Amino acid sequence: MSKKEVRALSWKRKDLLDLDDLSAQEIELILQCALPMKEVLSRPLKKLPTLRGKSIALMFYENSTRTRTSFEIAGKILGADITNFSVAQSSVYKGESLLDTAKTLQAMNIDLVIIRHASSGASEFLAKQLRAGVINGGDGQHAHPTQALLDFFTMKERWGDFRGKKILIVGDILHSRVARSNALGLKKLGAEVVLIGPPTLLPPEMSYLGVRTSYNLDRELPGADAVMALRLQLERQQSGLFPSLREYNRLYGLTKERIAKTGKDTIVLHPGPLNRGVEISSDLADSVQSVIEEQVTNGVAVRMALIYLLMGGGTGNVVA
């Protein structure tokens, strides 16, 4: 799809809840819109009047640093008023339901709500209750669409096109909303996706995503254009899902030596936070092949684009 065709599209959705119902054209529109947003980030004065008078509520029921902070920065750069909904200090701990919270937000005339919640489907429930737009900042083990979109943007900057590209996603696939969202979106964009992990963290039913699965990382490395390591949730180790961290690192940990097996100038991604020496070695994480820091910067640009589109931007023709 050409840039001209992308710019001709218009955004007509109130919410961004998942990538499974987005078309490839809509994904491309978001990525195209993020380009001028990233240019704004390089300016000495990072402030736009675009959304002056608009209000955004951040509702994070789970701990987050990168996602919450990047959304807050994105909204402020665009000129919106940001309210951090502190769950620890809210009526949630007094027994208030998500429905009651939604009604409170409605009464406050909030324009956009960004929610992260431990329960899958929480963002969809909220979207059905509110006139305001809703962005899913991660719900349970279900979806993390904005993380996937910033990953796409990072890869697109390097390649321009996803067709013919082979992308490996390695680690705890079973519990990863990042893996699910990436797999769904990358497939739509024309990439070959392989999900890789130990059998206990990559059950056969994950093939429902329509991508290949494998338990053997070394066998899949040749020809890979990008490898994404997922954070190994160390609390899962107590559940006996794999023998030890050392064993996991031996079979699935990313190192410079292992990445060299691709035979290409492969890029390495990680959604963060990193467990250095477990899913990725420090020297690889800090190498020129790593785009982890770029992912963080691109996260702000992509979230700026989404906020802009959902709050009336309409098209990819951004005048910044």
C-alpha atoms as a PDB file:
ATOM      1  CA  MET A   1       0.000   0.000   0.000  1.00  0.00           C
ATOM      2  CA  SER A   2       1.467   3.362  -1.031  1.00  0.00           C
ATOM      3  CA  LYS A   3       1.853   6.353   1.301  1.00  0.00           C
ATOM      4  CA  LYS A   4      -0.645   8.248  -0.840  1.00  0.00           C
ATOM      5  CA  GLU A   5      -3.227   5.488  -0.374  1.00  0.00           C
ATOM      6  CA  VAL A   6      -2.610   5.438   3.381  1.00  0.00           C
ATOM      7  CA  ARG A   7      -3.084   9.198   3.662  1.00  0.00           C
ATOM      8  CA  ALA A   8      -6.371   8.907   1.810  1.00  0.00           C
ATOM      9  CA  LEU A   9      -7.765   6.692   4.585  1.00  0.00           C
ATOM     10  CA  SER A  10      -9.757   8.083   7.472  1.00  0.00           C
ATOM     11  CA  TRP A  11      -9.938   6.783  11.025  1.00  0.00           C
ATOM     12  CA  LYS A  12     -13.499   5.953  12.043  1.00  0.00           C
ATOM     13  CA  ARG A  13     -13.090   3.928  15.231  1.00  0.00           C
ATOM     14  CA  LYS A  14     -13.888   5.216  18.703  1.00  0.00           C
ATOM     15  CA  ASP A  15     -11.603   2.728  20.453  1.00  0.00           C
ATOM     16  CA  LEU A  16      -8.424   0.697  20.050  1.00  0.00           C
ATOM     17  CA  LEU A  17      -8.929  -2.549  21.932  1.00  0.00           C
ATOM     18  CA  ASP A  18      -7.058  -5.204  19.937  1.00  0.00           C
ATOM     19  CA  LEU A  19      -5.468  -5.802  16.562  1.00  0.00           C
ATOM     20  CA  ASP A  20      -7.605  -8.746  15.483  1.00  0.00           C
ATOM     21  CA  ASP A  21     -10.328  -6.521  14.052  1.00  0.00           C
ATOM     22  CA  LEU A  22      -7.994  -3.932  12.477  1.00  0.00           C
ATOM     23  CA  SER A  23      -7.185  -4.180   8.789  1.00  0.00           C
ATOM     24  CA  ALA A  24      -3.656  -3.974   7.447  1.00  0.00           C
ATOM     25  CA  GLN A  25      -4.602  -0.576   5.991  1.00  0.00           C
ATOM     26  CA  GLU A  26      -5.650   0.729   9.412  1.00  0.00           C
ATOM     27  CA  ILE A  27      -2.406  -0.485  10.953  1.00  0.00           C
ATOM     28  CA  GLU A  28      -0.462   1.245   8.176  1.00  0.00           C
ATOM     29  CA  LEU A  29      -2.424   4.442   8.809  1.00  0.00           C
ATOM     30  CA  ILE A  30      -1.353   4.444  12.471  1.00  0.00           C
ATOM     31  CA  LEU A  31       2.282   3.842  11.518  1.00  0.00           C
ATOM     32  CA  GLN A  32       2.160   6.583   8.894  1.00  0.00           C
ATOM     33  CA  CYS A  33       0.634   8.997  11.401  1.00  0.00           C
ATOM     34  CA  ALA A  34       3.441   8.218  13.873  1.00  0.00           C
ATOM     35  CA  LEU A  35       6.129   9.518  11.482  1.00  0.00           C
ATOM     36  CA  PRO A  36       5.505  13.247  11.994  1.00  0.00           C
ATOM     37  CA  MET A  37       4.890  12.579  15.670  1.00  0.00           C
ATOM     38  CA  LYS A  38       8.405  11.189  16.002  1.00  0.00           C
ATOM     39  CA  GLU A  39       9.746  14.289  14.268  1.00  0.00           C
ATOM     40  CA  VAL A  40       8.108  16.403  16.987  1.00  0.00           C
ATOM     41  CA  LEU A  41      10.041  14.439  19.630  1.00  0.00           C
ATOM     42  CA  SER A  42      13.332  15.648  18.154  1.00  0.00           C
ATOM     43  CA  ARG A  43      12.391  19.322  18.404  1.00  0.00           C
ATOM     44  CA  PRO A  44      13.809  21.559  21.150  1.00  0.00           C
ATOM     45  CA  LEU A  45      10.257  22.529  22.101  1.00  0.00           C
ATOM     46  CA  LYS A  46       8.141  19.379  22.307  1.00  0.00           C
ATOM     47  CA  LYS A  47       4.686  20.886  22.604  1.00  0.00           C
ATOM     48  CA  LEU A  48       1.707  21.115  20.268  1.00  0.00           C
ATOM     49  CA  PRO A  49      -1.666  22.830  20.709  1.00  0.00           C
ATOM     50  CA  THR A  50      -3.447  20.063  18.779  1.00  0.00           C
ATOM     51  CA  LEU A  51      -5.591  18.709  21.631  1.00  0.00           C
ATOM     52  CA  ARG A  52      -5.825  21.754  23.856  1.00  0.00           C
ATOM     53  CA  GLY A  53      -8.976  21.533  25.961  1.00  0.00           C
ATOM     54  CA  LYS A  54      -9.248  17.734  25.608  1.00  0.00           C
ATOM     55  CA  SER A  55      -8.977  15.452  28.632  1.00  0.00           C
ATOM     56  CA  ILE A  56      -7.376  12.016  29.001  1.00  0.00           C
ATOM     57  CA  ALA A  57      -7.685   9.671  31.974  1.00  0.00           C
ATOM     58  CA  LEU A  58      -5.002   7.052  32.648  1.00  0.00           C
ATOM     59  CA  MET A  59      -6.452   4.074  34.531  1.00  0.00           C
ATOM     60  CA  PHE A  60      -3.693   1.603  35.350  1.00  0.00           C
ATOM     61  CA  TYR A  61      -4.877  -1.215  37.576  1.00  0.00           C
ATOM     62  CA  GLU A  62      -1.506  -2.946  37.087  1.00  0.00           C
ATOM     63  CA  ASN A  63       1.968  -1.569  37.644  1.00  0.00           C
ATOM     64  CA  SER A  64       3.564  -0.050  34.573  1.00  0.00           C
ATOM     65  CA  THR A  65       6.453   2.273  33.841  1.00  0.00           C
ATOM     66  CA  ARG A  66       6.993   2.373  30.072  1.00  0.00           C
ATOM     67  CA  THR A  67       3.389   2.202  28.907  1.00  0.00           C
ATOM     68  CA  ARG A  68       1.878   4.595  31.440  1.00  0.00           C
ATOM     69  CA  THR A  69       4.706   7.121  31.195  1.00  0.00           C
ATOM     70  CA  SER A  70       4.785   7.102  27.385  1.00  0.00           C
ATOM     71  CA  PHE A  71       1.015   7.651  27.199  1.00  0.00           C
ATOM     72  CA  GLU A  72       1.285  10.507  29.675  1.00  0.00           C
ATOM     73  CA  ILE A  73       4.125  12.128  27.737  1.00  0.00           C
ATOM     74  CA  ALA A  74       2.293  11.591  24.433  1.00  0.00           C
ATOM     75  CA  GLY A  75      -0.878  13.258  25.687  1.00  0.00           C
ATOM     76  CA  LYS A  76       0.962  16.214  27.201  1.00  0.00           C
ATOM     77  CA  ILE A  77       2.976  16.867  24.034  1.00  0.00           C
ATOM     78  CA  LEU A  78      -0.293  17.015  22.089  1.00  0.00           C
ATOM     79  CA  GLY A  79      -1.636  19.574  24.565  1.00  0.00           C
ATOM     80  CA  ALA A  80      -4.260  17.454  26.329  1.00  0.00           C
ATOM     81  CA  ASP A  81      -5.009  17.567  30.048  1.00  0.00           C
ATOM     82  CA  ILE A  82      -3.924  14.311  31.723  1.00  0.00           C
ATOM     83  CA  THR A  83      -5.452  12.786  34.855  1.00  0.00           C
ATOM     84  CA  ASN A  84      -3.678   9.838  36.458  1.00  0.00           C
ATOM     85  CA  PHE A  85      -6.332   7.658  38.048  1.00  0.00           C
ATOM     86  CA  SER A  86      -4.478   6.218  41.047  1.00  0.00           C
ATOM     87  CA  VAL A  87      -6.091   2.870  41.820  1.00  0.00           C
ATOM     88  CA  ALA A  88      -4.372   2.608  45.201  1.00  0.00           C
ATOM     89  CA  GLN A  89      -5.996   5.878  46.282  1.00  0.00           C
ATOM     90  CA  SER A  90      -9.312   5.420  44.529  1.00  0.00           C
ATOM     91  CA  SER A  91     -12.655   3.966  45.492  1.00  0.00           C
ATOM     92  CA  VAL A  92     -11.677   0.687  43.803  1.00  0.00           C
ATOM     93  CA  TYR A  93     -10.238  -0.544  47.071  1.00  0.00           C
ATOM     94  CA  LYS A  94     -13.481   0.436  48.752  1.00  0.00           C
ATOM     95  CA  GLY A  95     -15.358  -1.977  46.523  1.00  0.00           C
ATOM     96  CA  GLU A  96     -16.232   0.220  43.556  1.00  0.00           C
ATOM     97  CA  SER A  97     -16.797  -1.808  40.392  1.00  0.00           C
ATOM     98  CA  LEU A  98     -15.374  -1.036  36.971  1.00  0.00           C
ATOM     99  CA  LEU A  99     -18.912  -0.149  35.881  1.00  0.00           C
ATOM    100  CA  ASP A 100     -19.246   2.421  38.674  1.00  0.00           C
ATOM    101  CA  THR A 101     -15.838   3.839  37.791  1.00  0.00           C
ATOM    102  CA  ALA A 102     -16.956   4.112  34.165  1.00  0.00           C
ATOM    103  CA  LYS A 103     -20.065   6.041  35.188  1.00  0.00           C
ATOM    104  CA  THR A 104     -17.915   8.414  37.241  1.00  0.00           C
ATOM    105  CA  LEU A 105     -15.638   9.054  34.247  1.00  0.00           C
ATOM    106  CA  GLN A 106     -18.682   9.605  32.059  1.00  0.00           C
ATOM    107  CA  ALA A 107     -19.986  12.230  34.463  1.00  0.00           C
ATOM    108  CA  MET A 108     -16.617  14.022  34.331  1.00  0.00           C
ATOM    109  CA  ASN A 109     -16.868  14.265  30.514  1.00  0.00           C
ATOM    110  CA  ILE A 110     -13.480  12.624  29.920  1.00  0.00           C
ATOM    111  CA  ASP A 111     -12.632  12.477  26.203  1.00  0.00           C
ATOM    112  CA  LEU A 112     -10.307   9.446  26.184  1.00  0.00           C
ATOM    113  CA  VAL A 113      -9.569   6.673  28.677  1.00  0.00           C
ATOM    114  CA  ILE A 114      -6.432   4.527  28.594  1.00  0.00           C
ATOM    115  CA  ILE A 115      -6.777   1.427  30.727  1.00  0.00           C
ATOM    116  CA  ARG A 116      -4.513  -1.394  31.845  1.00  0.00           C
ATOM    117  CA  HIS A 117      -6.210  -4.182  33.763  1.00  0.00           C
ATOM    118  CA  ALA A 118      -5.409  -7.676  34.976  1.00  0.00           C
ATOM    119  CA  SER A 119      -8.679  -9.032  33.570  1.00  0.00           C
ATOM    120  CA  SER A 120      -8.909  -9.908  29.892  1.00  0.00           C
ATOM    121  CA  GLY A 121     -11.751  -7.994  28.283  1.00  0.00           C
ATOM    122  CA  ALA A 122     -11.758  -5.112  30.779  1.00  0.00           C
ATOM    123  CA  SER A 123     -11.044  -2.524  28.077  1.00  0.00           C
ATOM    124  CA  GLU A 124     -13.841  -3.850  25.858  1.00  0.00           C
ATOM    125  CA  PHE A 125     -16.274  -3.731  28.770  1.00  0.00           C
ATOM    126  CA  LEU A 126     -15.305  -0.134  29.512  1.00  0.00           C
ATOM    127  CA  ALA A 127     -15.604   0.874  25.853  1.00  0.00           C
ATOM    128  CA  LYS A 128     -19.190  -0.370  25.759  1.00  0.00           C
ATOM    129  CA  GLN A 129     -20.084   1.800  28.741  1.00  0.00           C
ATOM    130  CA  LEU A 130     -18.442   5.057  27.697  1.00  0.00           C
ATOM    131  CA  ARG A 131     -19.088   7.677  25.056  1.00  0.00           C
ATOM    132  CA  ALA A 132     -15.384   8.495  25.384  1.00  0.00           C
ATOM    133  CA  GLY A 133     -12.797   6.598  23.385  1.00  0.00           C
ATOM    134  CA  VAL A 134     -10.878   3.779  25.053  1.00  0.00           C
ATOM    135  CA  ILE A 135      -7.344   2.543  24.386  1.00  0.00           C
ATOM    136  CA  ASN A 136      -6.312  -0.842  25.715  1.00  0.00           C
ATOM    137  CA  GLY A 137      -2.981  -0.459  27.527  1.00  0.00           C
ATOM    138  CA  GLY A 138      -2.856  -4.208  28.187  1.00  0.00           C
ATOM    139  CA  ASP A 139      -5.584  -6.515  29.496  1.00  0.00           C
ATOM    140  CA  GLY A 140      -4.760  -9.772  31.234  1.00  0.00           C
ATOM    141  CA  GLN A 141      -3.129 -12.286  28.910  1.00  0.00           C
ATOM    142  CA  HIS A 142      -5.305 -11.104  26.040  1.00  0.00           C
ATOM    143  CA  ALA A 143      -3.838  -8.129  24.156  1.00  0.00           C
ATOM    144  CA  HIS A 144      -1.364  -5.261  24.228  1.00  0.00           C
ATOM    145  CA  PRO A 145      -2.058  -3.526  20.907  1.00  0.00           C
ATOM    146  CA  THR A 146       0.018  -0.385  21.457  1.00  0.00           C
ATOM    147  CA  GLN A 147       3.145  -2.409  22.276  1.00  0.00           C
ATOM    148  CA  ALA A 148       2.680  -4.374  19.061  1.00  0.00           C
ATOM    149  CA  LEU A 149       2.183  -1.190  17.047  1.00  0.00           C
ATOM    150  CA  LEU A 150       5.373   0.394  18.364  1.00  0.00           C
ATOM    151  CA  ASP A 151       7.200  -2.840  17.541  1.00  0.00           C
ATOM    152  CA  PHE A 152       5.828  -2.661  13.981  1.00  0.00           C
ATOM    153  CA  PHE A 153       6.895   0.968  13.678  1.00  0.00           C
ATOM    154  CA  THR A 154      10.407   0.094  14.841  1.00  0.00           C
ATOM    155  CA  MET A 155      10.710  -2.707  12.288  1.00  0.00           C
ATOM    156  CA  LYS A 156       9.148  -0.641   9.512  1.00  0.00           C
ATOM    157  CA  GLU A 157      11.762   2.088  10.042  1.00  0.00           C
ATOM    158  CA  ARG A 158      14.438  -0.495   9.249  1.00  0.00           C
ATOM    159  CA  TRP A 159      12.766  -2.338   6.393  1.00  0.00           C
ATOM    160  CA  GLY A 160       9.942  -0.279   4.943  1.00  0.00           C
ATOM    161  CA  ASP A 161       7.948  -3.405   4.101  1.00  0.00           C
ATOM    162  CA  PHE A 162       7.081  -6.543   6.062  1.00  0.00           C
ATOM    163  CA  ARG A 163       6.502  -8.838   3.117  1.00  0.00           C
ATOM    164  CA  GLY A 164       9.091 -11.580   2.935  1.00  0.00           C
ATOM    165  CA  LYS A 165      10.388 -10.882   6.443  1.00  0.00           C
ATOM    166  CA  LYS A 166      10.821 -13.658   8.985  1.00  0.00           C
ATOM    167  CA  ILE A 167      10.210 -12.692  12.603  1.00  0.00           C
ATOM    168  CA  LEU A 168      10.792 -14.922  15.621  1.00  0.00           C
ATOM    169  CA  ILE A 169       9.053 -14.296  18.952  1.00  0.00           C
ATOM    170  CA  VAL A 170      10.787 -16.237  21.727  1.00  0.00           C
ATOM    171  CA  GLY A 171       9.848 -16.993  25.304  1.00  0.00           C
ATOM    172  CA  ASP A 172       6.749 -17.258  27.470  1.00  0.00           C
ATOM    173  CA  ILE A 173       4.179 -17.289  24.692  1.00  0.00           C
ATOM    174  CA  LEU A 174       1.471 -18.806  26.897  1.00  0.00           C
ATOM    175  CA  HIS A 175       1.156 -15.808  29.217  1.00  0.00           C
ATOM    176  CA  SER A 176       2.155 -13.069  26.754  1.00  0.00           C
ATOM    177  CA  ARG A 177      -0.360 -10.519  25.494  1.00  0.00           C
ATOM    178  CA  VAL A 178       2.536  -8.936  23.587  1.00  0.00           C
ATOM    179  CA  ALA A 179       3.146 -12.133  21.612  1.00  0.00           C
ATOM    180  CA  ARG A 180      -0.523 -12.488  20.728  1.00  0.00           C
ATOM    181  CA  SER A 181      -0.914  -8.914  19.495  1.00  0.00           C
ATOM    182  CA  ASN A 182       2.352  -9.029  17.534  1.00  0.00           C
ATOM    183  CA  ALA A 183       1.457 -12.324  15.886  1.00  0.00           C
ATOM    184  CA  LEU A 184      -1.973 -11.087  14.804  1.00  0.00           C
ATOM    185  CA  GLY A 185      -0.691  -7.806  13.383  1.00  0.00           C
ATOM    186  CA  LEU A 186       2.488  -9.064  11.720  1.00  0.00           C
ATOM    187  CA  LYS A 187       0.547 -11.752   9.910  1.00  0.00           C
ATOM    188  CA  LYS A 188      -1.793  -9.092   8.480  1.00  0.00           C
ATOM    189  CA  LEU A 189       1.206  -7.053   7.344  1.00  0.00           C
ATOM    190  CA  GLY A 190       2.572  -9.988   5.353  1.00  0.00           C
ATOM    191  CA  ALA A 191       5.405 -11.216   7.581  1.00  0.00           C
ATOM    192  CA  GLU A 192       6.259 -14.809   8.422  1.00  0.00           C
ATOM    193  CA  VAL A 193       5.944 -15.240  12.189  1.00  0.00           C
ATOM    194  CA  VAL A 194       7.282 -18.104  14.284  1.00  0.00           C
ATOM    195  CA  LEU A 195       6.433 -18.441  17.985  1.00  0.00           C
ATOM    196  CA  ILE A 196       9.167 -20.259  19.909  1.00  0.00           C
ATOM    197  CA  GLY A 197       9.399 -21.487  23.491  1.00  0.00           C
ATOM    198  CA  PRO A 198       9.482 -24.545  25.742  1.00  0.00           C
ATOM    199  CA  PRO A 199       6.485 -26.886  25.450  1.00  0.00           C
ATOM    200  CA  THR A 200       5.125 -25.786  28.827  1.00  0.00           C
ATOM    201  CA  LEU A 201       5.030 -22.155  27.656  1.00  0.00           C
ATOM    202  CA  LEU A 202       3.980 -22.833  24.063  1.00  0.00           C
ATOM    203  CA  PRO A 203       0.992 -25.189  24.032  1.00  0.00           C
ATOM    204  CA  PRO A 204      -0.159 -26.567  20.657  1.00  0.00           C
ATOM    205  CA  GLU A 205      -3.387 -24.553  20.774  1.00  0.00           C
ATOM    206  CA  MET A 206      -1.355 -21.344  20.231  1.00  0.00           C
ATOM    207  CA  SER A 207      -1.455 -22.264  16.553  1.00  0.00           C
ATOM    208  CA  TYR A 208      -4.952 -20.727  16.540  1.00  0.00           C
ATOM    209  CA  LEU A 209      -3.175 -17.444  15.847  1.00  0.00           C
ATOM    210  CA  GLY A 210      -2.434 -18.752  12.351  1.00  0.00           C
ATOM    211  CA  VAL A 211       1.358 -18.665  12.673  1.00  0.00           C
ATOM    212  CA  ARG A 212       4.009 -21.362  12.974  1.00  0.00           C
ATOM    213  CA  THR A 213       5.172 -22.641  16.349  1.00  0.00           C
ATOM    214  CA  SER A 214       8.429 -24.341  17.316  1.00  0.00           C
ATOM    215  CA  TYR A 215      10.250 -25.576  20.405  1.00  0.00           C
ATOM    216  CA  ASN A 216      13.683 -25.297  18.763  1.00  0.00           C
ATOM    217  CA  LEU A 217      15.136 -21.781  18.570  1.00  0.00           C
ATOM    218  CA  ASP A 218      18.418 -22.727  16.901  1.00  0.00           C
ATOM    219  CA  ARG A 219      16.595 -24.513  14.091  1.00  0.00           C
ATOM    220  CA  GLU A 220      14.490 -21.429  13.303  1.00  0.00           C
ATOM    221  CA  LEU A 221      17.229 -18.791  13.473  1.00  0.00           C
ATOM    222  CA  PRO A 222      18.611 -19.092   9.895  1.00  0.00           C
ATOM    223  CA  GLY A 223      17.048 -16.402   7.727  1.00  0.00           C
ATOM    224  CA  ALA A 224      15.402 -14.495  10.574  1.00  0.00           C
ATOM    225  CA  ASP A 225      15.179 -10.734  10.000  1.00  0.00           C
ATOM    226  CA  ALA A 226      14.101  -9.924  13.564  1.00  0.00           C
ATOM    227  CA  VAL A 227      14.063 -11.788  16.872  1.00  0.00           C
ATOM    228  CA  MET A 228      11.948 -10.607  19.764  1.00  0.00           C
ATOM    229  CA  ALA A 229      12.695 -11.901  23.252  1.00  0.00           C
ATOM    230  CA  LEU A 230       9.792 -11.841  25.673  1.00  0.00           C
ATOM    231  CA  ARG A 231      10.282 -11.103  29.343  1.00  0.00           C
ATOM    232  CA  LEU A 232      10.387 -14.332  31.292  1.00  0.00           C
ATOM    233  CA  GLN A 233       8.025 -13.822  34.193  1.00  0.00           C
ATOM    234  CA  LEU A 234      10.259 -15.098  36.987  1.00  0.00           C
ATOM    235  CA  GLU A 235       7.267 -15.772  39.212  1.00  0.00           C
ATOM    236  CA  ARG A 236       6.316 -18.520  36.755  1.00  0.00           C
ATOM    237  CA  GLN A 237       9.538 -20.330  37.614  1.00  0.00           C
ATOM    238  CA  GLN A 238       8.022 -21.203  40.969  1.00  0.00           C
ATOM    239  CA  SER A 239       5.282 -23.080  39.117  1.00  0.00           C
ATOM    240  CA  GLY A 240       7.745 -25.605  37.667  1.00  0.00           C
ATOM    241  CA  LEU A 241       7.039 -24.663  34.040  1.00  0.00           C
ATOM    242  CA  PHE A 242      10.733 -25.116  33.192  1.00  0.00           C
ATOM    243  CA  PRO A 243      13.589 -26.810  35.080  1.00  0.00           C
ATOM    244  CA  SER A 244      15.704 -23.737  35.897  1.00  0.00           C
ATOM    245  CA  LEU A 245      16.675 -20.283  34.673  1.00  0.00           C
ATOM    246  CA  ARG A 246      20.017 -21.695  33.548  1.00  0.00           C
ATOM    247  CA  GLU A 247      18.307 -24.356  31.454  1.00  0.00           C
ATOM    248  CA  TYR A 248      15.955 -21.788  29.939  1.00  0.00           C
ATOM    249  CA  ASN A 249      18.848 -19.494  29.073  1.00  0.00           C
ATOM    250  CA  ARG A 250      20.785 -22.366  27.478  1.00  0.00           C
ATOM    251  CA  LEU A 251      17.919 -23.263  25.142  1.00  0.00           C
ATOM    252  CA  TYR A 252      16.172 -19.945  24.520  1.00  0.00           C
ATOM    253  CA  GLY A 253      18.413 -17.107  25.727  1.00  0.00           C
ATOM    254  CA  LEU A 254      19.517 -14.655  23.032  1.00  0.00           C
ATOM    255  CA  THR A 255      23.254 -14.003  22.691  1.00  0.00           C
ATOM    256  CA  LYS A 256      25.462 -12.481  20.013  1.00  0.00           C
ATOM    257  CA  GLU A 257      26.724 -15.944  19.090  1.00  0.00           C
ATOM    258  CA  ARG A 258      23.211 -17.296  18.730  1.00  0.00           C
ATOM    259  CA  ILE A 259      21.939 -14.342  16.675  1.00  0.00           C
ATOM    260  CA  ALA A 260      24.900 -14.792  14.297  1.00  0.00           C
ATOM    261  CA  LYS A 261      23.221 -18.033  13.169  1.00  0.00           C
ATOM    262  CA  THR A 262      20.599 -16.013  11.284  1.00  0.00           C
ATOM    263  CA  GLY A 263      23.135 -15.168   8.593  1.00  0.00           C
ATOM    264  CA  LYS A 264      21.576 -11.705   8.314  1.00  0.00           C
ATOM    265  CA  ASP A 265      21.829  -8.241   9.816  1.00  0.00           C
ATOM    266  CA  THR A 266      19.113  -9.231  12.259  1.00  0.00           C
ATOM    267  CA  ILE A 267      17.551  -6.767  14.656  1.00  0.00           C
ATOM    268  CA  VAL A 268      16.725  -7.711  18.243  1.00  0.00           C
ATOM    269  CA  LEU A 269      13.663  -6.450  20.105  1.00  0.00           C
ATOM    270  CA  HIS A 270      12.378  -6.745  23.662  1.00  0.00           C
ATOM    271  CA  PRO A 271       9.180  -5.216  25.134  1.00  0.00           C
ATOM    272  CA  GLY A 272      10.897  -4.698  28.513  1.00  0.00           C
ATOM    273  CA  PRO A 273      11.673  -4.813  31.296  1.00  0.00           C
ATOM    274  CA  LEU A 274      14.708  -7.018  30.586  1.00  0.00           C
ATOM    275  CA  ASN A 275      15.989  -9.932  32.632  1.00  0.00           C
ATOM    276  CA  ARG A 276      19.605  -9.649  31.564  1.00  0.00           C
ATOM    277  CA  GLY A 277      21.369 -12.962  31.442  1.00  0.00           C
ATOM    278  CA  VAL A 278      18.088 -14.865  31.260  1.00  0.00           C
ATOM    279  CA  GLU A 279      16.192 -14.131  28.039  1.00  0.00           C
ATOM    280  CA  ILE A 280      18.917 -11.866  26.611  1.00  0.00           C
ATOM    281  CA  SER A 281      22.595 -11.265  27.296  1.00  0.00           C
ATOM    282  CA  SER A 282      23.772  -7.789  28.289  1.00  0.00           C
ATOM    283  CA  ASP A 283      26.223  -7.478  25.406  1.00  0.00           C
ATOM    284  CA  LEU A 284      23.471  -8.232  22.875  1.00  0.00           C
ATOM    285  CA  ALA A 285      20.946  -5.934  24.564  1.00  0.00           C
ATOM    286  CA  ASP A 286      23.474  -3.080  24.361  1.00  0.00           C
ATOM    287  CA  SER A 287      24.739  -3.890  20.849  1.00  0.00           C
ATOM    288  CA  VAL A 288      24.066  -2.151  17.543  1.00  0.00           C
ATOM    289  CA  GLN A 289      21.704  -4.974  16.614  1.00  0.00           C
ATOM    290  CA  SER A 290      19.448  -4.095  19.512  1.00  0.00           C
ATOM    291  CA  VAL A 291      16.596  -1.650  18.865  1.00  0.00           C
ATOM    292  CA  ILE A 292      15.287  -1.750  22.434  1.00  0.00           C
ATOM    293  CA  GLU A 293      15.937   1.944  23.106  1.00  0.00           C
ATOM    294  CA  GLU A 294      14.355   2.823  19.768  1.00  0.00           C
ATOM    295  CA  GLN A 295      11.271   0.898  20.845  1.00  0.00           C
ATOM    296  CA  VAL A 296      10.923   3.167  23.878  1.00  0.00           C
ATOM    297  CA  THR A 297      11.190   6.352  21.793  1.00  0.00           C
ATOM    298  CA  ASN A 298       8.858   4.963  19.154  1.00  0.00           C
ATOM    299  CA  GLY A 299       6.369   4.060  21.868  1.00  0.00           C
ATOM    300  CA  VAL A 300       5.771   7.746  22.535  1.00  0.00           C
ATOM    301  CA  ALA A 301       5.398   8.555  18.811  1.00  0.00           C
ATOM    302  CA  VAL A 302       2.955   5.698  18.157  1.00  0.00           C
ATOM    303  CA  ARG A 303       0.871   6.550  21.204  1.00  0.00           C
ATOM    304  CA  MET A 304       0.786  10.182  20.110  1.00  0.00           C
ATOM    305  CA  ALA A 305      -0.567   9.005  16.760  1.00  0.00           C
ATOM    306  CA  LEU A 306      -3.259   6.876  18.382  1.00  0.00           C
ATOM    307  CA  ILE A 307      -4.371   9.628  20.731  1.00  0.00           C
ATOM    308  CA  TYR A 308      -4.493  12.036  17.804  1.00  0.00           C
ATOM    309  CA  LEU A 309      -6.540   9.686  15.620  1.00  0.00           C
ATOM    310  CA  LEU A 310      -9.008   8.690  18.347  1.00  0.00           C
ATOM    311  CA  MET A 311      -9.548  12.271  19.479  1.00  0.00           C
ATOM    312  CA  GLY A 312     -10.519  13.666  16.122  1.00  0.00           C
ATOM    313  CA  GLY A 313      -7.403  13.599  13.969  1.00  0.00           C
ATOM    314  CA  GLY A 314      -9.266  11.542  11.422  1.00  0.00           C
ATOM    315  CA  THR A 315      -6.503  10.865   8.878  1.00  0.00           C
ATOM    316  CA  GLY A 316      -2.792  10.324   8.592  1.00  0.00           C
ATOM    317  CA  ASN A 317      -2.365  13.902   7.321  1.00  0.00           C
ATOM    318  CA  VAL A 318      -0.811  15.275  10.495  1.00  0.00           C
ATOM    319  CA  VAL A 319       0.085  18.951  10.598  1.00  0.00           C
ATOM    320  CA  ALA A 320       2.468  19.199  13.524  1.00  0.00           C
END
